[in-house]
Amino acid sequence: MKKPKLVRDSFTIPKAEYTVLDDLKQRAGKLASPAKKSELIRAGVKALAAMSDTAFLAALKAVPAIKTGRPAKD
């Protein structure tokens, strides 16, 4: 079986949402199913893809738009 082609990308995410990834990693570990951040994001993409249009739009509207690009250095 041929390995799927992988794509490397980067994105900007608010720190509060980024910390949720760590919370989800810990949750997966407690459930005896350790997961990497990329696996959590991919699972989220699959969950979004499986939603009805109404649920999908509601999920999108629950996430505020942010300015893209690299964050300013402190």
PDB file of N, CA and C in Angstrom:
ATOM      1  N   MET A   1       0.849  -1.183   0.000  1.00  0.00           N
ATOM      2  CA  MET A   1       0.000   0.000   0.000  1.00  0.00           C
ATOM      3  C   MET A   1       0.892   1.243   0.000  1.00  0.00           C
ATOM      4  N   LYS A   2       0.566   2.205  -0.850  1.00  0.00           N
ATOM      5  CA  LYS A   2       1.345   3.424  -0.982  1.00  0.00           C
ATOM      6  C   LYS A   2       1.047   4.373   0.176  1.00  0.00           C
ATOM      7  N   LYS A   3       2.101   4.966   0.742  1.00  0.00           N
ATOM      8  CA  LYS A   3       1.918   5.915   1.842  1.00  0.00           C
ATOM      9  C   LYS A   3       1.261   7.185   1.312  1.00  0.00           C
ATOM     10  N   PRO A   4       0.341   7.771   2.104  1.00  0.00           N
ATOM     11  CA  PRO A   4      -0.295   9.013   1.648  1.00  0.00           C
ATOM     12  C   PRO A   4       0.723  10.153   1.637  1.00  0.00           C
ATOM     13  N   LYS A   5       0.574  11.071   0.689  1.00  0.00           N
ATOM     14  CA  LYS A   5       1.448  12.238   0.620  1.00  0.00           C
ATOM     15  C   LYS A   5       1.083  13.169   1.781  1.00  0.00           C
ATOM     16  N   LEU A   6       2.080  13.627   2.505  1.00  0.00           N
ATOM     17  CA  LEU A   6       1.853  14.502   3.646  1.00  0.00           C
ATOM     18  C   LEU A   6       2.126  15.943   3.240  1.00  0.00           C
ATOM     19  N   VAL A   7       1.419  16.866   3.869  1.00  0.00           N
ATOM     20  CA  VAL A   7       1.580  18.289   3.611  1.00  0.00           C
ATOM     21  C   VAL A   7       1.943  18.952   4.928  1.00  0.00           C
ATOM     22  N   ARG A   8       2.990  19.763   4.908  1.00  0.00           N
ATOM     23  CA  ARG A   8       3.379  20.508   6.106  1.00  0.00           C
ATOM     24  C   ARG A   8       2.843  21.925   5.971  1.00  0.00           C
ATOM     25  N   ASP A   9       2.259  22.450   7.044  1.00  0.00           N
ATOM     26  CA  ASP A   9       1.656  23.769   7.009  1.00  0.00           C
ATOM     27  C   ASP A   9       1.854  24.429   8.365  1.00  0.00           C
ATOM     28  N   SER A  10       1.589  25.707   8.443  1.00  0.00           N
ATOM     29  CA  SER A  10       1.616  26.409   9.723  1.00  0.00           C
ATOM     30  C   SER A  10       0.377  27.287   9.800  1.00  0.00           C
ATOM     31  N   PHE A  11      -0.025  27.633  11.021  1.00  0.00           N
ATOM     32  CA  PHE A  11      -1.213  28.451  11.196  1.00  0.00           C
ATOM     33  C   PHE A  11      -1.083  29.238  12.482  1.00  0.00           C
ATOM     34  N   THR A  12      -1.910  30.252  12.610  1.00  0.00           N
ATOM     35  CA  THR A  12      -1.939  31.086  13.800  1.00  0.00           C
ATOM     36  C   THR A  12      -3.191  30.733  14.588  1.00  0.00           C
ATOM     37  N   ILE A  13      -3.026  30.593  15.900  1.00  0.00           N
ATOM     38  CA  ILE A  13      -4.139  30.213  16.760  1.00  0.00           C
ATOM     39  C   ILE A  13      -4.006  30.969  18.076  1.00  0.00           C
ATOM     40  N   PRO A  14      -5.120  31.461  18.630  1.00  0.00           N
ATOM     41  CA  PRO A  14      -5.035  32.140  19.927  1.00  0.00           C
ATOM     42  C   PRO A  14      -4.491  31.191  21.003  1.00  0.00           C
ATOM     43  N   LYS A  15      -3.710  31.748  21.918  1.00  0.00           N
ATOM     44  CA  LYS A  15      -3.085  30.932  22.960  1.00  0.00           C
ATOM     45  C   LYS A  15      -4.113  30.135  23.759  1.00  0.00           C
ATOM     46  N   ALA A  16      -5.248  30.744  24.058  1.00  0.00           N
ATOM     47  CA  ALA A  16      -6.282  30.038  24.836  1.00  0.00           C
ATOM     48  C   ALA A  16      -6.767  28.793  24.103  1.00  0.00           C
ATOM     49  N   GLU A  17      -6.895  28.874  22.787  1.00  0.00           N
ATOM     50  CA  GLU A  17      -7.326  27.709  22.009  1.00  0.00           C
ATOM     51  C   GLU A  17      -6.189  26.697  21.872  1.00  0.00           C
ATOM     52  N   TYR A  18      -4.960  27.206  21.803  1.00  0.00           N
ATOM     53  CA  TYR A  18      -3.796  26.317  21.688  1.00  0.00           C
ATOM     54  C   TYR A  18      -3.653  25.458  22.945  1.00  0.00           C
ATOM     55  N   THR A  19      -3.930  26.056  24.117  1.00  0.00           N
ATOM     56  CA  THR A  19      -3.822  25.292  25.362  1.00  0.00           C
ATOM     57  C   THR A  19      -4.873  24.184  25.427  1.00  0.00           C
ATOM     58  N   VAL A  20      -5.981  24.358  24.703  1.00  0.00           N
ATOM     59  CA  VAL A  20      -7.003  23.306  24.654  1.00  0.00           C
ATOM     60  C   VAL A  20      -6.413  22.037  24.023  1.00  0.00           C
ATOM     61  N   LEU A  21      -5.495  22.205  23.060  1.00  0.00           N
ATOM     62  CA  LEU A  21      -4.845  21.031  22.461  1.00  0.00           C
ATOM     63  C   LEU A  21      -4.099  20.232  23.531  1.00  0.00           C
ATOM     64  N   ASP A  22      -3.404  20.932  24.439  1.00  0.00           N
ATOM     65  CA  ASP A  22      -2.719  20.224  25.519  1.00  0.00           C
ATOM     66  C   ASP A  22      -3.715  19.526  26.442  1.00  0.00           C
ATOM     67  N   ASP A  23      -4.836  20.211  26.724  1.00  0.00           N
ATOM     68  CA  ASP A  23      -5.880  19.596  27.552  1.00  0.00           C
ATOM     69  C   ASP A  23      -6.406  18.319  26.882  1.00  0.00           C
ATOM     70  N   LEU A  24      -6.608  18.391  25.571  1.00  0.00           N
ATOM     71  CA  LEU A  24      -7.122  17.230  24.840  1.00  0.00           C
ATOM     72  C   LEU A  24      -6.077  16.109  24.784  1.00  0.00           C
ATOM     73  N   LYS A  25      -4.803  16.475  24.678  1.00  0.00           N
ATOM     74  CA  LYS A  25      -3.738  15.462  24.708  1.00  0.00           C
ATOM     75  C   LYS A  25      -3.751  14.724  26.044  1.00  0.00           C
ATOM     76  N   GLN A  26      -3.893  15.476  27.140  1.00  0.00           N
ATOM     77  CA  GLN A  26      -3.955  14.860  28.468  1.00  0.00           C
ATOM     78  C   GLN A  26      -5.203  13.985  28.598  1.00  0.00           C
ATOM     79  N   ARG A  27      -6.305  14.465  28.088  1.00  0.00           N
ATOM     80  CA  ARG A  27      -7.566  13.699  28.136  1.00  0.00           C
ATOM     81  C   ARG A  27      -7.413  12.376  27.389  1.00  0.00           C
ATOM     82  N   ALA A  28      -6.810  12.427  26.204  1.00  0.00           N
ATOM     83  CA  ALA A  28      -6.592  11.206  25.425  1.00  0.00           C
ATOM     84  C   ALA A  28      -5.687  10.242  26.182  1.00  0.00           C
ATOM     85  N   GLY A  29      -4.648  10.783  26.826  1.00  0.00           N
ATOM     86  CA  GLY A  29      -3.745   9.937  27.603  1.00  0.00           C
ATOM     87  C   GLY A  29      -4.462   9.244  28.748  1.00  0.00           C
ATOM     88  N   LYS A  30      -5.331   9.988  29.442  1.00  0.00           N
ATOM     89  CA  LYS A  30      -6.100   9.403  30.558  1.00  0.00           C
ATOM     90  C   LYS A  30      -7.047   8.317  30.070  1.00  0.00           C
ATOM     91  N   LEU A  31      -7.453   8.420  28.812  1.00  0.00           N
ATOM     92  CA  LEU A  31      -8.347   7.415  28.233  1.00  0.00           C
ATOM     93  C   LEU A  31      -7.556   6.295  27.562  1.00  0.00           C
ATOM     94  N   ALA A  32      -6.255   6.217  27.894  1.00  0.00           N
ATOM     95  CA  ALA A  32      -5.358   5.174  27.367  1.00  0.00           C
ATOM     96  C   ALA A  32      -5.279   5.200  25.844  1.00  0.00           C
ATOM     97  N   SER A  33      -5.352   6.406  25.267  1.00  0.00           N
ATOM     98  CA  SER A  33      -5.239   6.554  23.823  1.00  0.00           C
ATOM     99  C   SER A  33      -4.436   7.822  23.517  1.00  0.00           C
ATOM    100  N   PRO A  34      -3.123   7.792  23.818  1.00  0.00           N
ATOM    101  CA  PRO A  34      -2.301   8.996  23.611  1.00  0.00           C
ATOM    102  C   PRO A  34      -2.421   9.518  22.184  1.00  0.00           C
ATOM    103  N   ALA A  35      -2.407  10.848  22.048  1.00  0.00           N
ATOM    104  CA  ALA A  35      -2.555  11.472  20.737  1.00  0.00           C
ATOM    105  C   ALA A  35      -1.586  12.642  20.606  1.00  0.00           C
ATOM    106  N   LYS A  36      -1.133  12.871  19.393  1.00  0.00           N
ATOM    107  CA  LYS A  36      -0.291  14.024  19.086  1.00  0.00           C
ATOM    108  C   LYS A  36      -1.196  15.181  18.681  1.00  0.00           C
ATOM    109  N   LYS A  37      -0.645  16.394  18.743  1.00  0.00           N
ATOM    110  CA  LYS A  37      -1.433  17.564  18.347  1.00  0.00           C
ATOM    111  C   LYS A  37      -1.963  17.416  16.926  1.00  0.00           C
ATOM    112  N   SER A  38      -1.130  16.937  16.022  1.00  0.00           N
ATOM    113  CA  SER A  38      -1.574  16.805  14.630  1.00  0.00           C
ATOM    114  C   SER A  38      -2.727  15.808  14.523  1.00  0.00           C
ATOM    115  N   GLU A  39      -2.707  14.767  15.351  1.00  0.00           N
ATOM    116  CA  GLU A  39      -3.809  13.785  15.326  1.00  0.00           C
ATOM    117  C   GLU A  39      -5.107  14.419  15.837  1.00  0.00           C
ATOM    118  N   LEU A  40      -4.985  15.274  16.860  1.00  0.00           N
ATOM    119  CA  LEU A  40      -6.166  15.956  17.381  1.00  0.00           C
ATOM    120  C   LEU A  40      -6.753  16.895  16.332  1.00  0.00           C
ATOM    121  N   ILE A  41      -5.881  17.627  15.637  1.00  0.00           N
ATOM    122  CA  ILE A  41      -6.359  18.538  14.598  1.00  0.00           C
ATOM    123  C   ILE A  41      -7.015  17.754  13.467  1.00  0.00           C
ATOM    124  N   ARG A  42      -6.402  16.645  13.063  1.00  0.00           N
ATOM    125  CA  ARG A  42      -6.976  15.831  11.991  1.00  0.00           C
ATOM    126  C   ARG A  42      -8.315  15.245  12.409  1.00  0.00           C
ATOM    127  N   ALA A  43      -8.440  14.837  13.692  1.00  0.00           N
ATOM    128  CA  ALA A  43      -9.719  14.324  14.193  1.00  0.00           C
ATOM    129  C   ALA A  43     -10.770  15.429  14.162  1.00  0.00           C
ATOM    130  N   GLY A  44     -10.360  16.663  14.503  1.00  0.00           N
ATOM    131  CA  GLY A  44     -11.277  17.794  14.452  1.00  0.00           C
ATOM    132  C   GLY A  44     -11.754  18.069  13.037  1.00  0.00           C
ATOM    133  N   VAL A  45     -10.847  17.965  12.069  1.00  0.00           N
ATOM    134  CA  VAL A  45     -11.219  18.169  10.666  1.00  0.00           C
ATOM    135  C   VAL A  45     -12.243  17.121  10.233  1.00  0.00           C
ATOM    136  N   LYS A  46     -12.006  15.864  10.631  1.00  0.00           N
ATOM    137  CA  LYS A  46     -12.965  14.798  10.290  1.00  0.00           C
ATOM    138  C   LYS A  46     -14.324  15.055  10.937  1.00  0.00           C
ATOM    139  N   ALA A  47     -14.304  15.537  12.194  1.00  0.00           N
ATOM    140  CA  ALA A  47     -15.560  15.828  12.887  1.00  0.00           C
ATOM    141  C   ALA A  47     -16.309  16.960  12.187  1.00  0.00           C
ATOM    142  N   LEU A  48     -15.586  18.009  11.760  1.00  0.00           N
ATOM    143  CA  LEU A  48     -16.221  19.107  11.032  1.00  0.00           C
ATOM    144  C   LEU A  48     -16.800  18.623   9.704  1.00  0.00           C
ATOM    145  N   ALA A  49     -16.046  17.792   9.008  1.00  0.00           N
ATOM    146  CA  ALA A  49     -16.498  17.290   7.707  1.00  0.00           C
ATOM    147  C   ALA A  49     -17.765  16.441   7.838  1.00  0.00           C
ATOM    148  N   ALA A  50     -17.940  15.786   8.975  1.00  0.00           N
ATOM    149  CA  ALA A  50     -19.098  14.910   9.176  1.00  0.00           C
ATOM    150  C   ALA A  50     -20.346  15.673   9.626  1.00  0.00           C
ATOM    151  N   MET A  51     -20.195  16.945   9.985  1.00  0.00           N
ATOM    152  CA  MET A  51     -21.327  17.735  10.493  1.00  0.00           C
ATOM    153  C   MET A  51     -22.291  18.128   9.369  1.00  0.00           C
ATOM    154  N   SER A  52     -23.522  18.360   9.777  1.00  0.00           N
ATOM    155  CA  SER A  52     -24.489  18.942   8.841  1.00  0.00           C
ATOM    156  C   SER A  52     -24.043  20.378   8.553  1.00  0.00           C
ATOM    157  N   ASP A  53     -24.572  20.967   7.497  1.00  0.00           N
ATOM    158  CA  ASP A  53     -24.229  22.351   7.159  1.00  0.00           C
ATOM    159  C   ASP A  53     -24.564  23.289   8.314  1.00  0.00           C
ATOM    160  N   THR A  54     -25.692  23.061   8.972  1.00  0.00           N
ATOM    161  CA  THR A  54     -26.119  23.923  10.075  1.00  0.00           C
ATOM    162  C   THR A  54     -25.136  23.834  11.237  1.00  0.00           C
ATOM    163  N   ALA A  55     -24.753  22.614  11.631  1.00  0.00           N
ATOM    164  CA  ALA A  55     -23.804  22.434  12.729  1.00  0.00           C
ATOM    165  C   ALA A  55     -22.429  22.977  12.348  1.00  0.00           C
ATOM    166  N   PHE A  56     -22.035  22.776  11.094  1.00  0.00           N
ATOM    167  CA  PHE A  56     -20.753  23.272  10.607  1.00  0.00           C
ATOM    168  C   PHE A  56     -20.698  24.799  10.690  1.00  0.00           C
ATOM    169  N   LEU A  57     -21.746  25.470  10.207  1.00  0.00           N
ATOM    170  CA  LEU A  57     -21.784  26.932  10.275  1.00  0.00           C
ATOM    171  C   LEU A  57     -21.790  27.421  11.714  1.00  0.00           C
ATOM    172  N   ALA A  58     -22.493  26.728  12.600  1.00  0.00           N
ATOM    173  CA  ALA A  58     -22.516  27.111  14.009  1.00  0.00           C
ATOM    174  C   ALA A  58     -21.118  26.993  14.620  1.00  0.00           C
ATOM    175  N   ALA A  59     -20.398  25.933  14.266  1.00  0.00           N
ATOM    176  CA  ALA A  59     -19.039  25.754  14.772  1.00  0.00           C
ATOM    177  C   ALA A  59     -18.122  26.855  14.252  1.00  0.00           C
ATOM    178  N   LEU A  60     -18.256  27.203  12.988  1.00  0.00           N
ATOM    179  CA  LEU A  60     -17.435  28.274  12.415  1.00  0.00           C
ATOM    180  C   LEU A  60     -17.727  29.618  13.082  1.00  0.00           C
ATOM    181  N   LYS A  61     -19.011  29.891  13.324  1.00  0.00           N
ATOM    182  CA  LYS A  61     -19.387  31.166  13.934  1.00  0.00           C
ATOM    183  C   LYS A  61     -18.942  31.253  15.391  1.00  0.00           C
ATOM    184  N   ALA A  62     -18.689  30.116  16.031  1.00  0.00           N
ATOM    185  CA  ALA A  62     -18.237  30.100  17.423  1.00  0.00           C
ATOM    186  C   ALA A  62     -16.750  30.435  17.540  1.00  0.00           C
ATOM    187  N   VAL A  63     -16.063  30.522  16.404  1.00  0.00           N
ATOM    188  CA  VAL A  63     -14.628  30.814  16.392  1.00  0.00           C
ATOM    189  C   VAL A  63     -14.445  32.208  15.792  1.00  0.00           C
ATOM    190  N   PRO A  64     -13.973  33.157  16.604  1.00  0.00           N
ATOM    191  CA  PRO A  64     -13.794  34.507  16.072  1.00  0.00           C
ATOM    192  C   PRO A  64     -12.659  34.555  15.047  1.00  0.00           C
ATOM    193  N   ALA A  65     -12.814  35.420  14.050  1.00  0.00           N
ATOM    194  CA  ALA A  65     -11.749  35.607  13.057  1.00  0.00           C
ATOM    195  C   ALA A  65     -10.572  36.308  13.746  1.00  0.00           C
ATOM    196  N   ILE A  66      -9.366  35.945  13.334  1.00  0.00           N
ATOM    197  CA  ILE A  66      -8.175  36.584  13.873  1.00  0.00           C
ATOM    198  C   ILE A  66      -7.292  37.056  12.738  1.00  0.00           C
ATOM    199  N   LYS A  67      -6.430  37.980  13.051  1.00  0.00           N
ATOM    200  CA  LYS A  67      -5.474  38.454  12.054  1.00  0.00           C
ATOM    201  C   LYS A  67      -4.452  37.351  11.846  1.00  0.00           C
ATOM    202  N   THR A  68      -4.205  37.000  10.599  1.00  0.00           N
ATOM    203  CA  THR A  68      -3.257  35.926  10.322  1.00  0.00           C
ATOM    204  C   THR A  68      -1.845  36.470  10.263  1.00  0.00           C
ATOM    205  N   GLY A  69      -0.902  35.581  10.279  1.00  0.00           N
ATOM    206  CA  GLY A  69       0.498  35.968  10.233  1.00  0.00           C
ATOM    207  C   GLY A  69       1.197  35.628  11.527  1.00  0.00           C
ATOM    208  N   ARG A  70       2.452  35.921  11.561  1.00  0.00           N
ATOM    209  CA  ARG A  70       3.238  35.620  12.766  1.00  0.00           C
ATOM    210  C   ARG A  70       2.907  36.623  13.865  1.00  0.00           C
ATOM    211  N   PRO A  71       2.798  36.141  15.118  1.00  0.00           N
ATOM    212  CA  PRO A  71       2.525  37.062  16.214  1.00  0.00           C
ATOM    213  C   PRO A  71       3.707  38.010  16.451  1.00  0.00           C
ATOM    214  N   ALA A  72       3.433  39.186  16.971  1.00  0.00           N
ATOM    215  CA  ALA A  72       4.487  40.148  17.263  1.00  0.00           C
ATOM    216  C   ALA A  72       5.368  39.610  18.387  1.00  0.00           C
ATOM    217  N   LYS A  73       6.640  39.921  18.321  1.00  0.00           N
ATOM    218  CA  LYS A  73       7.570  39.502  19.380  1.00  0.00           C
ATOM    219  C   LYS A  73       7.326  40.384  20.603  1.00  0.00           C
ATOM    220  N   ASP A  74       7.418  39.770  21.771  1.00  0.00           N
ATOM    221  CA  ASP A  74       7.216  40.533  23.025  1.00  0.00           C
ATOM    222  C   ASP A  74       8.401  41.425  23.309  1.00  0.00           C
TER     223      ASP A  74
END
